[in-house]
Protein backbone atom coordinates (compact mmCIF):
# COMPACT_ATOMS: atom_id res chain seq x y z
CA MET A 1 -0.04 -0.29 0.10
CA ILE A 2 1.09 3.43 -0.53
CA SER A 3 2.04 5.74 2.02
CA LEU A 4 2.11 9.29 2.70
CA ARG A 5 6.00 8.23 3.74
CA GLN A 6 6.84 7.26 0.21
CA LEU A 7 5.31 10.21 -1.12
CA ARG A 8 7.19 12.32 0.91
CA TYR A 9 10.71 10.73 -0.03
CA LEU A 10 9.53 11.01 -3.55
CA ASP A 11 8.66 14.73 -3.57
CA ALA A 12 12.35 14.75 -1.65
CA LEU A 13 14.29 13.01 -4.74
CA ALA A 14 12.27 15.01 -7.05
CA THR A 15 13.43 18.49 -5.35
CA HIS A 16 17.23 17.03 -5.08
CA LEU A 17 17.43 14.46 -7.58
CA HIS A 18 19.82 12.76 -5.59
CA PHE A 19 20.01 10.24 -3.14
CA ARG A 20 22.26 11.11 -0.38
CA ARG A 21 20.48 14.52 -0.34
CA ALA A 22 17.25 13.49 -0.54
CA ALA A 23 17.69 11.20 2.30
CA ASP A 24 19.38 14.22 4.11
CA ALA A 25 16.42 16.38 3.57
CA VAL A 26 14.00 14.17 5.17
CA ALA A 27 16.33 13.00 8.08
CA VAL A 28 16.92 9.57 6.69
CA SER A 29 19.30 6.76 5.30
CA GLN A 30 20.15 6.64 1.71
CA PRO A 31 19.40 2.76 2.15
CA ALA A 32 16.20 3.65 3.73
CA LEU A 33 15.11 5.92 1.25
CA SER A 34 16.18 3.91 -1.85
CA MET A 35 14.13 1.17 -0.29
CA GLN A 36 10.88 3.12 0.00
CA ILE A 37 11.41 4.50 -3.86
CA LYS A 38 11.28 1.01 -4.66
CA ASP A 39 8.60 -0.54 -2.67
CA LEU A 40 6.58 2.76 -4.24
CA GLU A 41 7.54 1.91 -7.89
CA GLU A 42 6.31 -1.64 -6.83
CA ASN A 43 3.00 -0.92 -5.67
CA LEU A 44 2.62 1.82 -8.39
CA GLY A 45 3.97 -0.55 -11.04
CA VAL A 46 5.83 1.73 -13.06
CA LYS A 47 9.51 2.90 -13.03
CA LEU A 48 9.36 6.25 -11.16
CA VAL A 49 13.17 7.74 -11.47
CA GLU A 50 16.53 6.58 -13.69
CA ARG A 51 19.22 5.58 -11.36
CA LEU A 52 22.52 7.25 -13.09
CA PRO A 53 25.92 7.25 -11.90
CA THR A 54 25.59 10.53 -9.81
CA SER A 55 22.10 11.37 -9.70
CA VAL A 56 18.49 10.26 -10.89
CA ARG A 57 16.35 11.34 -13.49
CA LEU A 58 12.52 11.48 -13.29
CA THR A 59 10.86 9.21 -15.49
CA HIS A 60 7.73 10.59 -17.63
CA GLU A 61 5.83 8.53 -15.33
CA GLY A 62 8.09 9.69 -12.49
CA GLU A 63 6.70 13.53 -13.38
CA GLU A 64 3.15 12.69 -13.72
CA VAL A 65 3.06 11.01 -10.10
CA VAL A 66 5.24 13.69 -8.34
CA THR A 67 2.87 16.64 -9.49
CA ARG A 68 -0.26 14.17 -8.14
CA ALA A 69 1.95 13.25 -4.92
CA ARG A 70 2.95 16.82 -3.93
CA LYS A 71 -0.99 17.96 -4.33
CA ILE A 72 -1.75 15.20 -1.65
CA LEU A 73 0.69 16.19 0.64
CA THR A 74 -0.48 19.69 0.34
CA GLU A 75 -3.85 18.99 0.92
CA VAL A 76 -2.97 16.67 3.80
CA ALA A 77 -1.03 19.63 5.32
CA ASP A 78 -4.04 21.80 4.96
CA LEU A 79 -6.22 19.01 6.73
CA THR A 80 -3.72 19.19 9.48
CA ASP A 81 -3.50 23.36 9.50
CA TYR A 82 -7.58 22.85 9.82
CA ALA A 83 -7.62 21.03 12.61
CA ARG A 84 -4.66 23.42 14.27
CA GLN A 85 -7.50 26.25 13.56
CA ARG A 86 -8.98 24.69 16.53
CA ALA A 87 -6.70 26.21 18.37
CA GLN A 88 -5.48 29.86 19.25
CA PRO A 89 -3.86 32.00 16.04
CA LEU A 90 -0.50 31.22 15.21
CA ALA A 91 0.45 28.24 17.59
CA GLY A 92 2.59 25.92 16.51
CA ALA A 93 4.62 25.60 13.55
CA LEU A 94 4.92 28.15 10.65
CA ARG A 95 6.74 28.50 7.42
CA LEU A 96 7.31 31.79 6.30
CA GLY A 97 9.01 32.70 2.81
CA ILE A 98 10.52 36.16 2.26
CA ILE A 99 12.75 37.21 -0.44
CA PRO A 100 16.04 39.05 -0.22
CA SER A 101 15.49 42.65 -0.60
CA ILE A 102 13.23 42.40 2.30
CA ALA A 103 14.34 40.01 4.64
CA PRO A 104 17.21 41.26 6.32
CA TYR A 105 15.80 45.07 7.26
CA LEU A 106 11.73 43.80 8.05
CA LEU A 107 12.77 40.84 10.03
CA PRO A 108 14.31 42.40 12.67
CA LYS A 109 11.45 44.82 13.34
CA ILE A 110 8.85 41.68 13.09
CA LEU A 111 10.62 38.80 14.69
CA PRO A 112 10.37 40.06 18.53
CA ALA A 113 7.36 41.80 17.88
CA LEU A 114 5.68 37.84 16.98
CA ALA A 115 7.39 36.76 19.95
CA ARG A 116 5.81 38.83 22.03
CA SER A 117 2.30 38.67 20.60
CA HIS A 118 2.42 34.87 19.56
CA PRO A 119 4.67 33.42 22.17
CA GLU A 120 3.80 29.79 21.22
CA LEU A 121 4.76 30.52 17.33
CA LYS A 122 7.27 28.03 15.77
CA LEU A 123 8.10 30.20 12.62
CA THR A 124 10.58 28.96 10.07
CA ILE A 125 11.90 31.61 7.75
CA ARG A 126 13.27 30.80 4.21
CA GLU A 127 15.03 33.60 1.97
CA THR A 128 15.23 33.58 -1.57
CA LEU A 129 13.83 34.79 -4.94
CA THR A 130 9.90 35.61 -5.79
CA GLU A 131 9.88 32.49 -8.46
CA THR A 132 11.29 29.94 -5.65
CA LEU A 133 8.73 31.11 -2.84
CA THR A 134 5.73 31.01 -5.44
CA GLU A 135 6.48 27.80 -6.25
CA GLU A 136 6.93 26.14 -2.48
CA LEU A 137 4.28 28.22 -1.24
CA LEU A 138 2.06 26.52 -4.46
CA ALA A 139 3.62 23.11 -3.94
CA GLY A 140 2.56 23.35 0.10
CA GLN A 141 6.52 23.60 1.37
CA LEU A 142 5.92 27.01 2.64
CA ASP A 143 2.60 28.57 4.53
CA ALA A 144 3.20 32.20 3.38
CA ILE A 145 5.47 34.22 2.14
CA VAL A 146 6.19 37.93 1.81
CA ILE A 147 7.11 39.79 -1.71
CA ALA A 148 6.40 42.37 -3.68
CA LEU A 149 3.17 42.44 -5.18
CA PRO A 150 1.49 42.42 -7.07
CA VAL A 151 1.23 38.00 -7.45
CA GLU A 152 -0.75 37.10 -10.71
CA ASN A 153 -1.85 33.33 -9.46
CA ALA A 154 -5.52 32.65 -9.00
CA LEU A 155 -4.79 29.64 -6.37
CA LEU A 156 -2.98 32.76 -4.38
CA ARG A 157 -4.43 35.44 -2.01
CA ALA A 158 -2.34 38.27 -1.57
CA GLU A 159 -2.77 41.25 1.21
CA PRO A 160 -0.63 44.46 0.81
CA LEU A 161 1.66 45.18 4.01
CA PHE A 162 3.40 48.94 3.19
CA ILE A 163 4.77 51.12 0.17
CA ASP A 164 8.62 51.04 -0.58
CA ARG A 165 9.42 53.71 -1.82
CA PHE A 166 12.77 53.84 -3.89
CA LEU A 167 15.30 56.40 -3.69
CA LEU A 168 18.44 57.18 -5.96
CA ALA A 169 21.94 56.27 -4.57
CA ARG A 170 24.88 57.76 -5.97
CA ALA A 171 28.21 58.70 -4.64
CA LYS A 172 28.35 62.21 -2.82
CA GLU A 173 28.99 65.20 -4.71
CA PRO A 174 30.15 68.31 -3.20
CA ASP A 175 27.03 70.79 -2.46
CA CYS A 176 24.46 68.86 -3.55
CA ASP A 177 21.49 69.60 -2.75
CA LEU A 178 19.65 66.51 -0.93
CA ARG A 179 16.48 68.35 -1.30
CA ARG A 180 15.78 68.73 -4.75
CA ARG A 181 13.86 65.73 -6.64
CA VAL A 182 15.25 64.36 -9.36
CA SER A 183 13.75 62.33 -12.83
CA PRO A 184 14.55 58.90 -14.20
CA GLU A 185 16.20 60.70 -17.51
CA GLU A 186 18.65 62.22 -15.26
CA ILE A 187 19.98 58.25 -15.15
CA ARG A 188 22.78 57.56 -17.39
CA PRO A 189 21.88 54.02 -18.62
CA ASP A 190 25.74 52.73 -18.43
CA SER A 191 25.83 53.99 -14.91
CA LEU A 192 22.86 51.88 -13.41
CA LEU A 193 23.47 49.08 -11.24
CA LEU A 194 21.17 46.49 -10.44
CA LEU A 195 21.12 43.20 -9.07
CA GLU A 196 21.71 39.88 -11.06
CA GLU A 197 18.11 38.32 -12.73
CA GLY A 198 15.83 36.42 -10.94
CA HIS A 199 15.89 39.42 -8.49
CA CYS A 200 12.33 41.10 -8.70
CA LEU A 201 13.88 44.81 -7.46
CA ARG A 202 16.13 44.24 -10.73
CA ASP A 203 12.95 44.41 -12.48
CA GLN A 204 11.16 46.87 -10.92
CA ALA A 205 14.00 49.03 -11.32
CA LEU A 206 13.74 48.68 -14.90
CA ASN A 207 10.46 48.96 -15.32
CA TYR A 208 10.80 52.79 -14.00
CA CYS A 209 13.89 53.50 -16.21
CA GLN A 210 11.87 51.37 -18.98
CA ASN A 211 12.65 54.38 -21.33
CA LEU A 212 16.21 54.24 -20.90
CA PRO A 213 17.90 51.66 -23.14
CA VAL A 214 20.44 49.11 -21.11
CA PRO A 215 23.64 49.19 -23.03
CA ASP A 216 25.31 46.36 -23.94
CA LYS A 217 28.40 47.29 -22.12
CA ALA A 218 26.32 48.23 -18.63
CA PRO A 219 28.68 48.03 -15.43
CA SER A 220 30.11 44.26 -14.72
CA LEU A 221 28.40 43.46 -11.84
CA GLY A 222 26.64 40.05 -11.00
CA ALA A 223 25.50 41.01 -7.43
CA THR A 224 22.99 39.25 -5.28
CA SER A 225 22.77 41.27 -2.45
CA LEU A 226 22.04 45.05 -2.09
CA ALA A 227 25.09 45.48 0.25
CA THR A 228 27.74 44.62 -2.78
CA VAL A 229 25.97 47.45 -5.19
CA MET A 230 26.18 49.74 -2.30
CA GLN A 231 29.49 49.33 -2.19
CA MET A 232 30.31 49.59 -5.79
CA VAL A 233 28.20 53.11 -5.37
CA ALA A 234 29.82 54.40 -2.78
CA ALA A 235 33.18 53.65 -4.78
CA GLY A 236 31.96 55.94 -7.70
CA TYR A 237 31.20 52.59 -9.92
CA GLY A 238 27.36 53.99 -10.86
CA VAL A 239 23.90 54.82 -9.06
CA THR A 240 21.08 52.15 -7.88
CA LEU A 241 17.97 52.69 -7.13
CA LEU A 242 17.30 51.47 -3.41
CA PRO A 243 14.20 50.81 -1.29
CA GLU A 244 13.59 52.80 1.02
CA ILE A 245 13.25 50.34 3.73
CA CYS A 246 16.81 49.57 2.96
CA ALA A 247 17.98 53.20 3.61
CA ASP A 248 18.72 52.76 7.47
CA VAL A 249 21.01 49.93 7.14
CA GLU A 250 22.57 50.00 3.94
CA VAL A 251 23.25 53.50 3.72
CA ARG A 252 25.72 54.36 7.01
CA ASP A 253 28.50 55.19 4.32
CA ASP A 254 29.02 59.26 4.12
CA ARG A 255 30.49 58.46 0.54
CA VAL A 256 26.76 58.25 -0.77
CA ASP A 257 23.86 60.55 -1.24
CA LEU A 258 20.04 59.33 -1.43
CA LEU A 259 17.43 61.59 -3.22
CA ARG A 260 14.51 61.26 -3.53
CA PHE A 261 12.30 61.45 -7.27
CA GLN A 262 9.57 63.55 -8.49
CA GLU A 263 6.23 62.42 -8.07
CA PRO A 264 4.58 59.96 -8.84
CA GLN A 265 7.67 58.35 -7.08
CA PRO A 266 8.77 54.96 -7.90
CA ALA A 267 7.54 52.42 -5.49
CA ARG A 268 6.82 48.77 -4.70
CA THR A 269 3.85 47.25 -2.91
CA VAL A 270 4.88 44.38 -0.25
CA GLY A 271 2.41 42.08 0.92
CA LEU A 272 1.95 39.06 2.66
CA VAL A 273 0.76 36.02 0.42
CA TRP A 274 -0.71 32.88 1.21
CA ARG A 275 -2.48 30.03 -0.68
CA LYS A 276 -6.69 30.40 -1.07
CA SER A 277 -6.89 26.94 -0.29
CA SER A 278 -5.45 26.67 2.89
CA PRO A 279 -7.63 26.58 5.80
CA ARG A 280 -5.12 28.78 7.97
CA ILE A 281 -7.27 31.77 7.43
CA ARG A 282 -7.07 32.87 10.94
CA ASP A 283 -3.31 32.33 11.18
CA PHE A 284 -2.31 34.73 8.37
CA GLU A 285 -4.90 37.46 9.55
CA SER A 286 -3.20 37.46 12.66
CA LEU A 287 0.17 37.52 10.88
CA LEU A 288 -0.97 40.39 9.04
CA GLU A 289 -2.31 42.25 11.68
CA THR A 290 0.94 42.08 13.80
CA LEU A 291 2.84 43.24 10.58
CA LYS A 292 1.29 46.01 9.83
CA ALA A 293 0.98 46.90 13.55
CA THR A 294 4.78 46.70 13.59
CA VAL A 295 5.78 48.51 10.09
CA SER A 296 3.78 51.45 10.86
CA GLU A 297 5.75 51.78 14.06
CA ALA A 298 9.02 51.40 12.08
CA GLY A 299 7.82 54.48 10.09
CA CYS A 300 6.77 52.75 6.88
CA ARG A 301 4.10 54.12 4.64
CA MET A 302 0.89 51.66 4.63
CA ALA A 303 -0.76 50.09 1.28
CA GLY A 304 -3.81 51.29 0.85
């Protein structure tokens, strides 16, 4: 008979495509995981994985079974969450995803507040890119995510948290009037420093500067963190659009000037997102309330 344990092992194997790494992920021995996968194949009567010398590959049938298995695991997780809703909100485990351009600046504000208001909460944080977070949320591997909106998926519900305006960060200039508002036309295309592809912050900056052609010989930078970008700005290698929430942390260097843009100022809306099918609505509403109260106290501009 097929077991949930076998489906979890298959899910891990499909994620890592390597028996040892999959076994480590589910905290079992490699032989035990391999045996369960073999038993699952026998129960289903189909070959799920092709065993290669240094990895594994899902067969066509394996890909279909993994898709169906993940739906079952998500439904089981939702069933468990439904039962948990009979208790007080935010008591127990919650897996929260958050993008890198928000995590270091928001978490120090919200984690103490959550610990005070919901002491029974066991929070797990996952920091990675928006696309990965969304995929893991849909697969039931995360319960909720904090990302830049909008999110375009009919299976997800998004609630705005706050408005995060962009500032122009550039190397300090003598006698610069920091009260002056700048326009996107003042940004030289060959001076714009951006995070590497895959970061939503890069797309948002390019969207605001959409009338600026990005040259073939743009500054050579494959940064994955704003800290690296800001060091390049401070050294005079270019300029960047910096989210306001990051300013206090990233601009501690007197070599950098921050200027506001002309109206309408570029901004992103940061929100909390969860699956519509999840029964943990009380948890998410409580989390949303705590997050809004915390970012409001921190001086963030509220959405809506």
